[in-house]
């Protein structure tokens, strides 16, 4: 028996694509609705930090009444950020698969 037959080498390459998980828009909505800027950290960390600062300033100067404006902004921003993240991930996956 020849030793050459048992030493076959494989020239196949394996492509591994790591796809991050999608962010659930409903979870983003619920977290931001119940937790405000803290809940935004799920969908957008920078947005959550910005809105924590803005909400703190607004609370101080309006005795809390300004939260009637900043809280809905947090909810909307969180949902838009989660949806935008999912769209970007889908577009990147489409580019990789081509």
PDB file of N, CA and C in Angstrom:
ATOM      1  N   UNK A   1       0.826  -1.189   0.000  1.00  0.00           N
ATOM      2  CA  UNK A   1       0.000   0.000   0.000  1.00  0.00           C
ATOM      3  C   UNK A   1       0.863   1.243   0.000  1.00  0.00           C
ATOM      4  N   UNK A   2       0.437   2.146  -0.712  1.00  0.00           N
ATOM      5  CA  UNK A   2       1.168   3.390  -0.828  1.00  0.00           C
ATOM      6  C   UNK A   2       0.729   4.348   0.268  1.00  0.00           C
ATOM      7  N   UNK A   3       1.656   5.038   0.821  1.00  0.00           N
ATOM      8  CA  UNK A   3       1.385   6.009   1.882  1.00  0.00           C
ATOM      9  C   UNK A   3       0.814   7.295   1.293  1.00  0.00           C
ATOM     10  N   UNK A   4       0.977   7.511   0.010  1.00  0.00           N
ATOM     11  CA  UNK A   4       0.506   8.718  -0.638  1.00  0.00           C
ATOM     12  C   UNK A   4      -1.015   8.760  -0.696  1.00  0.00           C
ATOM     13  N   UNK A   5      -1.673   7.634  -0.851  1.00  0.00           N
ATOM     14  CA  UNK A   5      -3.130   7.599  -0.918  1.00  0.00           C
ATOM     15  C   UNK A   5      -3.771   7.955   0.417  1.00  0.00           C
ATOM     16  N   UNK A   6      -3.152   7.647   1.501  1.00  0.00           N
ATOM     17  CA  UNK A   6      -3.743   7.915   2.804  1.00  0.00           C
ATOM     18  C   UNK A   6      -3.475   9.339   3.285  1.00  0.00           C
ATOM     19  N   UNK A   7      -2.607  10.069   2.602  1.00  0.00           N
ATOM     20  CA  UNK A   7      -2.263  11.437   3.004  1.00  0.00           C
ATOM     21  C   UNK A   7      -2.895  12.461   2.061  1.00  0.00           C
ATOM     22  N   UNK A   8      -4.134  12.331   1.745  1.00  0.00           N
ATOM     23  CA  UNK A   8      -4.787  13.287   0.870  1.00  0.00           C
ATOM     24  C   UNK A   8      -5.045  14.574   1.645  1.00  0.00           C
ATOM     25  N   UNK A   9      -4.731  15.661   1.031  1.00  0.00           N
ATOM     26  CA  UNK A   9      -4.960  16.951   1.680  1.00  0.00           C
ATOM     27  C   UNK A   9      -6.194  17.604   1.087  1.00  0.00           C
ATOM     28  N   UNK A  10      -6.845  18.352   1.923  1.00  0.00           N
ATOM     29  CA  UNK A  10      -8.060  19.033   1.500  1.00  0.00           C
ATOM     30  C   UNK A  10      -7.762  20.513   1.285  1.00  0.00           C
ATOM     31  N   UNK A  11      -8.151  21.026   0.145  1.00  0.00           N
ATOM     32  CA  UNK A  11      -7.955  22.435  -0.172  1.00  0.00           C
ATOM     33  C   UNK A  11      -9.260  23.211  -0.074  1.00  0.00           C
ATOM     34  N   UNK A  12     -10.223  22.665   0.624  1.00  0.00           N
ATOM     35  CA  UNK A  12     -11.510  23.337   0.762  1.00  0.00           C
ATOM     36  C   UNK A  12     -11.400  24.415   1.833  1.00  0.00           C
ATOM     37  N   UNK A  13     -12.073  25.525   1.607  1.00  0.00           N
ATOM     38  CA  UNK A  13     -12.089  26.583   2.611  1.00  0.00           C
ATOM     39  C   UNK A  13     -13.504  26.700   3.178  1.00  0.00           C
ATOM     40  N   UNK A  14     -13.570  27.064   4.421  1.00  0.00           N
ATOM     41  CA  UNK A  14     -14.849  27.209   5.107  1.00  0.00           C
ATOM     42  C   UNK A  14     -15.031  28.679   5.467  1.00  0.00           C
ATOM     43  N   UNK A  15     -16.135  29.243   5.044  1.00  0.00           N
ATOM     44  CA  UNK A  15     -16.458  30.623   5.387  1.00  0.00           C
ATOM     45  C   UNK A  15     -17.400  30.629   6.574  1.00  0.00           C
ATOM     46  N   UNK A  16     -17.031  31.341   7.608  1.00  0.00           N
ATOM     47  CA  UNK A  16     -17.864  31.462   8.791  1.00  0.00           C
ATOM     48  C   UNK A  16     -18.338  32.896   8.881  1.00  0.00           C
ATOM     49  N   UNK A  17     -19.642  33.073   8.938  1.00  0.00           N
ATOM     50  CA  UNK A  17     -20.230  34.399   9.045  1.00  0.00           C
ATOM     51  C   UNK A  17     -20.942  34.487  10.382  1.00  0.00           C
ATOM     52  N   UNK A  18     -20.533  35.439  11.183  1.00  0.00           N
ATOM     53  CA  UNK A  18     -21.167  35.638  12.485  1.00  0.00           C
ATOM     54  C   UNK A  18     -22.193  36.756  12.324  1.00  0.00           C
ATOM     55  N   UNK A  19     -23.444  36.425  12.602  1.00  0.00           N
ATOM     56  CA  UNK A  19     -24.528  37.373  12.443  1.00  0.00           C
ATOM     57  C   UNK A  19     -25.047  37.755  13.826  1.00  0.00           C
ATOM     58  N   UNK A  20     -24.967  39.040  14.178  1.00  0.00           N
ATOM     59  CA  UNK A  20     -25.482  39.435  15.484  1.00  0.00           C
ATOM     60  C   UNK A  20     -26.997  39.312  15.533  1.00  0.00           C
ATOM     61  N   UNK A  21     -27.510  39.126  16.729  1.00  0.00           N
ATOM     62  CA  UNK A  21     -28.950  38.972  16.875  1.00  0.00           C
ATOM     63  C   UNK A  21     -29.663  40.289  16.596  1.00  0.00           C
ATOM     64  N   UNK A  22     -30.885  40.143  16.128  1.00  0.00           N
ATOM     65  CA  UNK A  22     -31.717  41.314  15.897  1.00  0.00           C
ATOM     66  C   UNK A  22     -32.186  41.868  17.230  1.00  0.00           C
ATOM     67  N   UNK A  23     -32.508  43.146  17.248  1.00  0.00           N
ATOM     68  CA  UNK A  23     -33.067  43.764  18.448  1.00  0.00           C
ATOM     69  C   UNK A  23     -34.576  43.801  18.282  1.00  0.00           C
ATOM     70  N   UNK A  24     -35.276  43.269  19.250  1.00  0.00           N
ATOM     71  CA  UNK A  24     -36.723  43.190  19.190  1.00  0.00           C
ATOM     72  C   UNK A  24     -37.318  44.578  19.427  1.00  0.00           C
ATOM     73  N   UNK A  25     -38.095  45.058  18.471  1.00  0.00           N
ATOM     74  CA  UNK A  25     -38.679  46.395  18.549  1.00  0.00           C
ATOM     75  C   UNK A  25     -39.689  46.475  19.692  1.00  0.00           C
ATOM     76  N   UNK A  26     -40.435  45.409  19.925  1.00  0.00           N
ATOM     77  CA  UNK A  26     -41.399  45.408  21.028  1.00  0.00           C
ATOM     78  C   UNK A  26     -40.685  45.512  22.369  1.00  0.00           C
ATOM     79  N   UNK A  27     -39.589  44.800  22.525  1.00  0.00           N
ATOM     80  CA  UNK A  27     -38.813  44.879  23.766  1.00  0.00           C
ATOM     81  C   UNK A  27     -38.258  46.289  23.933  1.00  0.00           C
ATOM     82  N   UNK A  28     -37.771  46.888  22.852  1.00  0.00           N
ATOM     83  CA  UNK A  28     -37.265  48.263  22.909  1.00  0.00           C
ATOM     84  C   UNK A  28     -38.367  49.215  23.348  1.00  0.00           C
ATOM     85  N   UNK A  29     -39.573  49.026  22.806  1.00  0.00           N
ATOM     86  CA  UNK A  29     -40.703  49.871  23.185  1.00  0.00           C
ATOM     87  C   UNK A  29     -41.042  49.713  24.661  1.00  0.00           C
ATOM     88  N   UNK A  30     -41.165  48.472  25.103  1.00  0.00           N
ATOM     89  CA  UNK A  30     -41.561  48.238  26.498  1.00  0.00           C
ATOM     90  C   UNK A  30     -40.512  48.739  27.487  1.00  0.00           C
ATOM     91  N   UNK A  31     -39.256  48.483  27.211  1.00  0.00           N
ATOM     92  CA  UNK A  31     -38.209  48.938  28.115  1.00  0.00           C
ATOM     93  C   UNK A  31     -38.168  50.456  28.217  1.00  0.00           C
ATOM     94  N   UNK A  32     -38.252  51.128  27.080  1.00  0.00           N
ATOM     95  CA  UNK A  32     -38.217  52.589  27.118  1.00  0.00           C
ATOM     96  C   UNK A  32     -39.506  53.170  27.684  1.00  0.00           C
ATOM     97  N   UNK A  33     -40.624  52.491  27.486  1.00  0.00           N
ATOM     98  CA  UNK A  33     -41.885  52.979  28.033  1.00  0.00           C
ATOM     99  C   UNK A  33     -41.889  52.913  29.557  1.00  0.00           C
ATOM    100  N   UNK A  34     -41.402  51.805  30.099  1.00  0.00           N
ATOM    101  CA  UNK A  34     -41.431  51.640  31.548  1.00  0.00           C
ATOM    102  C   UNK A  34     -40.206  52.221  32.254  1.00  0.00           C
ATOM    103  N   UNK A  35     -39.066  52.260  31.578  1.00  0.00           N
ATOM    104  CA  UNK A  35     -37.838  52.708  32.233  1.00  0.00           C
ATOM    105  C   UNK A  35     -37.291  54.025  31.685  1.00  0.00           C
ATOM    106  N   UNK A  36     -37.899  54.537  30.633  1.00  0.00           N
ATOM    107  CA  UNK A  36     -37.447  55.805  30.073  1.00  0.00           C
ATOM    108  C   UNK A  36     -36.069  55.686  29.457  1.00  0.00           C
ATOM    109  N   UNK A  37     -35.189  56.651  29.749  1.00  0.00           N
ATOM    110  CA  UNK A  37     -33.854  56.640  29.154  1.00  0.00           C
ATOM    111  C   UNK A  37     -33.040  55.404  29.527  1.00  0.00           C
ATOM    112  N   UNK A  38     -33.269  54.858  30.686  1.00  0.00           N
ATOM    113  CA  UNK A  38     -32.561  53.647  31.086  1.00  0.00           C
ATOM    114  C   UNK A  38     -32.935  52.478  30.165  1.00  0.00           C
ATOM    115  N   UNK A  39     -34.182  52.390  29.763  1.00  0.00           N
ATOM    116  CA  UNK A  39     -34.628  51.351  28.845  1.00  0.00           C
ATOM    117  C   UNK A  39     -34.100  51.535  27.437  1.00  0.00           C
ATOM    118  N   UNK A  40     -33.711  52.771  27.110  1.00  0.00           N
ATOM    119  CA  UNK A  40     -33.156  53.036  25.786  1.00  0.00           C
ATOM    120  C   UNK A  40     -31.801  52.371  25.597  1.00  0.00           C
ATOM    121  N   UNK A  41     -31.142  52.045  26.677  1.00  0.00           N
ATOM    122  CA  UNK A  41     -29.813  51.437  26.573  1.00  0.00           C
ATOM    123  C   UNK A  41     -29.856  50.116  25.810  1.00  0.00           C
ATOM    124  N   UNK A  42     -31.011  49.473  25.744  1.00  0.00           N
ATOM    125  CA  UNK A  42     -31.158  48.235  24.975  1.00  0.00           C
ATOM    126  C   UNK A  42     -30.965  48.496  23.486  1.00  0.00           C
ATOM    127  N   UNK A  43     -31.545  49.571  22.989  1.00  0.00           N
ATOM    128  CA  UNK A  43     -31.520  49.808  21.554  1.00  0.00           C
ATOM    129  C   UNK A  43     -30.430  50.782  21.123  1.00  0.00           C
ATOM    130  N   UNK A  44     -30.107  51.758  21.954  1.00  0.00           N
ATOM    131  CA  UNK A  44     -29.075  52.728  21.608  1.00  0.00           C
ATOM    132  C   UNK A  44     -28.419  53.244  22.878  1.00  0.00           C
ATOM    133  N   UNK A  45     -27.170  52.897  23.053  1.00  0.00           N
ATOM    134  CA  UNK A  45     -26.458  53.287  24.270  1.00  0.00           C
ATOM    135  C   UNK A  45     -26.217  54.800  24.285  1.00  0.00           C
ATOM    136  N   UNK A  46     -25.761  55.342  23.177  1.00  0.00           N
ATOM    137  CA  UNK A  46     -25.485  56.776  23.118  1.00  0.00           C
ATOM    138  C   UNK A  46     -26.774  57.575  23.327  1.00  0.00           C
ATOM    139  N   UNK A  47     -27.847  57.135  22.687  1.00  0.00           N
ATOM    140  CA  UNK A  47     -29.137  57.816  22.865  1.00  0.00           C
ATOM    141  C   UNK A  47     -29.627  57.742  24.301  1.00  0.00           C
ATOM    142  N   UNK A  48     -29.422  56.606  24.938  1.00  0.00           N
ATOM    143  CA  UNK A  48     -29.833  56.458  26.332  1.00  0.00           C
ATOM    144  C   UNK A  48     -29.074  57.388  27.254  1.00  0.00           C
ATOM    145  N   UNK A  49     -27.768  57.493  27.041  1.00  0.00           N
ATOM    146  CA  UNK A  49     -26.950  58.390  27.868  1.00  0.00           C
ATOM    147  C   UNK A  49     -27.345  59.846  27.630  1.00  0.00           C
ATOM    148  N   UNK A  50     -27.548  60.211  26.372  1.00  0.00           N
ATOM    149  CA  UNK A  50     -27.958  61.585  26.048  1.00  0.00           C
ATOM    150  C   UNK A  50     -29.297  61.910  26.715  1.00  0.00           C
ATOM    151  N   UNK A  51     -30.257  60.997  26.585  1.00  0.00           N
ATOM    152  CA  UNK A  51     -31.583  61.281  27.147  1.00  0.00           C
ATOM    153  C   UNK A  51     -31.585  61.240  28.672  1.00  0.00           C
ATOM    154  N   UNK A  52     -30.688  60.478  29.291  1.00  0.00           N
ATOM    155  CA  UNK A  52     -30.577  60.529  30.755  1.00  0.00           C
ATOM    156  C   UNK A  52     -30.152  61.929  31.189  1.00  0.00           C
ATOM    157  N   UNK A  53     -29.158  62.472  30.505  1.00  0.00           N
ATOM    158  CA  UNK A  53     -28.682  63.812  30.827  1.00  0.00           C
ATOM    159  C   UNK A  53     -29.769  64.855  30.561  1.00  0.00           C
ATOM    160  N   UNK A  54     -30.385  64.781  29.385  1.00  0.00           N
ATOM    161  CA  UNK A  54     -31.427  65.751  29.028  1.00  0.00           C
ATOM    162  C   UNK A  54     -32.600  65.656  30.006  1.00  0.00           C
ATOM    163  N   UNK A  55     -33.023  64.446  30.333  1.00  0.00           N
ATOM    164  CA  UNK A  55     -34.146  64.274  31.254  1.00  0.00           C
ATOM    165  C   UNK A  55     -33.822  64.815  32.636  1.00  0.00           C
ATOM    166  N   UNK A  56     -32.587  64.611  33.087  1.00  0.00           N
ATOM    167  CA  UNK A  56     -32.181  65.135  34.393  1.00  0.00           C
ATOM    168  C   UNK A  56     -32.243  66.655  34.410  1.00  0.00           C
ATOM    169  N   UNK A  57     -31.737  67.285  33.372  1.00  0.00           N
ATOM    170  CA  UNK A  57     -31.772  68.741  33.280  1.00  0.00           C
ATOM    171  C   UNK A  57     -33.217  69.229  33.217  1.00  0.00           C
ATOM    172  N   UNK A  58     -34.034  68.559  32.418  1.00  0.00           N
ATOM    173  CA  UNK A  58     -35.443  68.962  32.268  1.00  0.00           C
ATOM    174  C   UNK A  58     -36.192  68.802  33.585  1.00  0.00           C
ATOM    175  N   UNK A  59     -35.936  67.723  34.306  1.00  0.00           N
ATOM    176  CA  UNK A  59     -36.606  67.495  35.592  1.00  0.00           C
ATOM    177  C   UNK A  59     -36.255  68.609  36.576  1.00  0.00           C
ATOM    178  N   UNK A  60     -35.007  68.995  36.593  1.00  0.00           N
ATOM    179  CA  UNK A  60     -34.578  70.028  37.535  1.00  0.00           C
ATOM    180  C   UNK A  60     -35.242  71.363  37.226  1.00  0.00           C
ATOM    181  N   UNK A  61     -35.274  71.749  35.955  1.00  0.00           N
ATOM    182  CA  UNK A  61     -35.791  73.066  35.597  1.00  0.00           C
ATOM    183  C   UNK A  61     -37.315  73.136  35.474  1.00  0.00           C
ATOM    184  N   UNK A  62     -37.986  72.008  35.309  1.00  0.00           N
ATOM    185  CA  UNK A  62     -39.445  72.056  35.142  1.00  0.00           C
ATOM    186  C   UNK A  62     -40.175  71.330  36.268  1.00  0.00           C
ATOM    187  N   UNK A  63     -39.454  70.979  37.323  1.00  0.00           N
ATOM    188  CA  UNK A  63     -40.034  70.263  38.465  1.00  0.00           C
ATOM    189  C   UNK A  63     -40.713  68.958  38.044  1.00  0.00           C
ATOM    190  N   UNK A  64     -40.203  68.335  37.005  1.00  0.00           N
ATOM    191  CA  UNK A  64     -40.698  67.036  36.566  1.00  0.00           C
ATOM    192  C   UNK A  64     -41.733  67.074  35.462  1.00  0.00           C
ATOM    193  N   UNK A  65     -42.323  68.251  35.220  1.00  0.00           N
ATOM    194  CA  UNK A  65     -43.369  68.323  34.196  1.00  0.00           C
ATOM    195  C   UNK A  65     -42.817  68.159  32.780  1.00  0.00           C
ATOM    196  N   UNK A  66     -41.559  68.432  32.587  1.00  0.00           N
ATOM    197  CA  UNK A  66     -40.939  68.285  31.276  1.00  0.00           C
ATOM    198  C   UNK A  66     -40.823  66.835  30.830  1.00  0.00           C
ATOM    199  N   UNK A  67     -40.965  65.911  31.779  1.00  0.00           N
ATOM    200  CA  UNK A  67     -40.924  64.493  31.406  1.00  0.00           C
ATOM    201  C   UNK A  67     -42.097  64.102  30.508  1.00  0.00           C
ATOM    202  N   UNK A  68     -43.152  64.902  30.537  1.00  0.00           N
ATOM    203  CA  UNK A  68     -44.280  64.645  29.634  1.00  0.00           C
ATOM    204  C   UNK A  68     -43.850  64.796  28.172  1.00  0.00           C
ATOM    205  N   UNK A  69     -42.765  65.519  27.953  1.00  0.00           N
ATOM    206  CA  UNK A  69     -42.241  65.680  26.595  1.00  0.00           C
ATOM    207  C   UNK A  69     -41.074  64.732  26.352  1.00  0.00           C
ATOM    208  N   UNK A  70     -40.164  64.632  27.318  1.00  0.00           N
ATOM    209  CA  UNK A  70     -38.965  63.822  27.084  1.00  0.00           C
ATOM    210  C   UNK A  70     -39.246  62.320  27.088  1.00  0.00           C
ATOM    211  N   UNK A  71     -40.217  61.886  27.858  1.00  0.00           N
ATOM    212  CA  UNK A  71     -40.491  60.447  27.922  1.00  0.00           C
ATOM    213  C   UNK A  71     -41.000  59.882  26.586  1.00  0.00           C
ATOM    214  N   UNK A  72     -41.967  60.526  25.944  1.00  0.00           N
ATOM    215  CA  UNK A  72     -42.366  60.025  24.610  1.00  0.00           C
ATOM    216  C   UNK A  72     -41.227  60.083  23.589  1.00  0.00           C
ATOM    217  N   UNK A  73     -40.343  61.078  23.713  1.00  0.00           N
ATOM    218  CA  UNK A  73     -39.191  61.148  22.810  1.00  0.00           C
ATOM    219  C   UNK A  73     -38.307  59.927  23.012  1.00  0.00           C
ATOM    220  N   UNK A  74     -38.122  59.519  24.268  1.00  0.00           N
ATOM    221  CA  UNK A  74     -37.326  58.318  24.565  1.00  0.00           C
ATOM    222  C   UNK A  74     -37.928  57.079  23.909  1.00  0.00           C
ATOM    223  N   UNK A  75     -39.232  56.942  24.017  1.00  0.00           N
ATOM    224  CA  UNK A  75     -39.905  55.765  23.454  1.00  0.00           C
ATOM    225  C   UNK A  75     -39.755  55.736  21.935  1.00  0.00           C
ATOM    226  N   UNK A  76     -40.001  56.858  21.301  1.00  0.00           N
ATOM    227  CA  UNK A  76     -39.917  56.923  19.839  1.00  0.00           C
ATOM    228  C   UNK A  76     -38.488  56.680  19.375  1.00  0.00           C
ATOM    229  N   UNK A  77     -37.530  57.315  20.032  1.00  0.00           N
ATOM    230  CA  UNK A  77     -36.123  57.169  19.659  1.00  0.00           C
ATOM    231  C   UNK A  77     -35.676  55.722  19.802  1.00  0.00           C
ATOM    232  N   UNK A  78     -36.119  55.069  20.866  1.00  0.00           N
ATOM    233  CA  UNK A  78     -35.735  53.681  21.110  1.00  0.00           C
ATOM    234  C   UNK A  78     -36.270  52.755  20.021  1.00  0.00           C
ATOM    235  N   UNK A  79     -37.512  52.921  19.650  1.00  0.00           N
ATOM    236  CA  UNK A  79     -38.121  52.074  18.613  1.00  0.00           C
ATOM    237  C   UNK A  79     -37.451  52.323  17.261  1.00  0.00           C
ATOM    238  N   UNK A  80     -37.201  53.575  16.938  1.00  0.00           N
ATOM    239  CA  UNK A  80     -36.551  53.904  15.666  1.00  0.00           C
ATOM    240  C   UNK A  80     -35.131  53.346  15.636  1.00  0.00           C
ATOM    241  N   UNK A  81     -34.415  53.438  16.759  1.00  0.00           N
ATOM    242  CA  UNK A  81     -33.041  52.927  16.811  1.00  0.00           C
ATOM    243  C   UNK A  81     -33.001  51.409  16.650  1.00  0.00           C
ATOM    244  N   UNK A  82     -33.921  50.696  17.285  1.00  0.00           N
ATOM    245  CA  UNK A  82     -33.955  49.232  17.153  1.00  0.00           C
ATOM    246  C   UNK A  82     -34.281  48.833  15.719  1.00  0.00           C
ATOM    247  N   UNK A  83     -35.237  49.524  15.122  1.00  0.00           N
ATOM    248  CA  UNK A  83     -35.616  49.233  13.735  1.00  0.00           C
ATOM    249  C   UNK A  83     -34.463  49.553  12.780  1.00  0.00           C
ATOM    250  N   UNK A  84     -33.768  50.652  13.019  1.00  0.00           N
ATOM    251  CA  UNK A  84     -32.640  51.041  12.190  1.00  0.00           C
ATOM    252  C   UNK A  84     -31.500  50.028  12.311  1.00  0.00           C
ATOM    253  N   UNK A  85     -31.239  49.565  13.518  1.00  0.00           N
ATOM    254  CA  UNK A  85     -30.198  48.555  13.743  1.00  0.00           C
ATOM    255  C   UNK A  85     -30.515  47.282  12.962  1.00  0.00           C
ATOM    256  N   UNK A  86     -31.770  46.854  13.025  1.00  0.00           N
ATOM    257  CA  UNK A  86     -32.179  45.644  12.300  1.00  0.00           C
ATOM    258  C   UNK A  86     -32.042  45.824  10.792  1.00  0.00           C
ATOM    259  N   UNK A  87     -32.375  47.002  10.290  1.00  0.00           N
ATOM    260  CA  UNK A  87     -32.246  47.266   8.852  1.00  0.00           C
ATOM    261  C   UNK A  87     -30.787  47.247   8.418  1.00  0.00           C
ATOM    262  N   UNK A  88     -29.911  47.829   9.245  1.00  0.00           N
ATOM    263  CA  UNK A  88     -28.480  47.832   8.922  1.00  0.00           C
ATOM    264  C   UNK A  88     -27.923  46.414   8.914  1.00  0.00           C
ATOM    265  N   UNK A  89     -28.330  45.597   9.871  1.00  0.00           N
ATOM    266  CA  UNK A  89     -27.853  44.224   9.929  1.00  0.00           C
ATOM    267  C   UNK A  89     -28.339  43.433   8.722  1.00  0.00           C
ATOM    268  N   UNK A  90     -29.578  43.651   8.310  1.00  0.00           N
ATOM    269  CA  UNK A  90     -30.116  42.953   7.136  1.00  0.00           C
ATOM    270  C   UNK A  90     -29.359  43.361   5.875  1.00  0.00           C
ATOM    271  N   UNK A  91     -29.032  44.649   5.760  1.00  0.00           N
ATOM    272  CA  UNK A  91     -28.297  45.123   4.593  1.00  0.00           C
ATOM    273  C   UNK A  91     -26.887  44.542   4.573  1.00  0.00           C
ATOM    274  N   UNK A  92     -26.233  44.471   5.720  1.00  0.00           N
ATOM    275  CA  UNK A  92     -24.889  43.894   5.774  1.00  0.00           C
ATOM    276  C   UNK A  92     -24.908  42.411   5.438  1.00  0.00           C
ATOM    277  N   UNK A  93     -25.918  41.703   5.921  1.00  0.00           N
ATOM    278  CA  UNK A  93     -26.034  40.281   5.612  1.00  0.00           C
ATOM    279  C   UNK A  93     -26.265  40.058   4.129  1.00  0.00           C
ATOM    280  N   UNK A  94     -27.001  40.944   3.509  1.00  0.00           N
ATOM    281  CA  UNK A  94     -27.277  40.837   2.082  1.00  0.00           C
ATOM    282  C   UNK A  94     -25.993  41.045   1.274  1.00  0.00           C
ATOM    283  N   UNK A  95     -25.159  41.980   1.730  1.00  0.00           N
ATOM    284  CA  UNK A  95     -23.889  42.243   1.037  1.00  0.00           C
ATOM    285  C   UNK A  95     -22.960  41.038   1.182  1.00  0.00           C
ATOM    286  N   UNK A  96     -22.921  40.455   2.357  1.00  0.00           N
ATOM    287  CA  UNK A  96     -22.047  39.312   2.608  1.00  0.00           C
ATOM    288  C   UNK A  96     -22.481  38.109   1.775  1.00  0.00           C
ATOM    289  N   UNK A  97     -23.761  37.907   1.623  1.00  0.00           N
ATOM    290  CA  UNK A  97     -24.274  36.729   0.914  1.00  0.00           C
ATOM    291  C   UNK A  97     -24.115  36.839  -0.598  1.00  0.00           C
ATOM    292  N   UNK A  98     -23.791  37.998  -1.119  1.00  0.00           N
ATOM    293  CA  UNK A  98     -23.670  38.144  -2.573  1.00  0.00           C
ATOM    294  C   UNK A  98     -22.313  37.714  -3.060  1.00  0.00           C
TER     295      UNK A  98
END
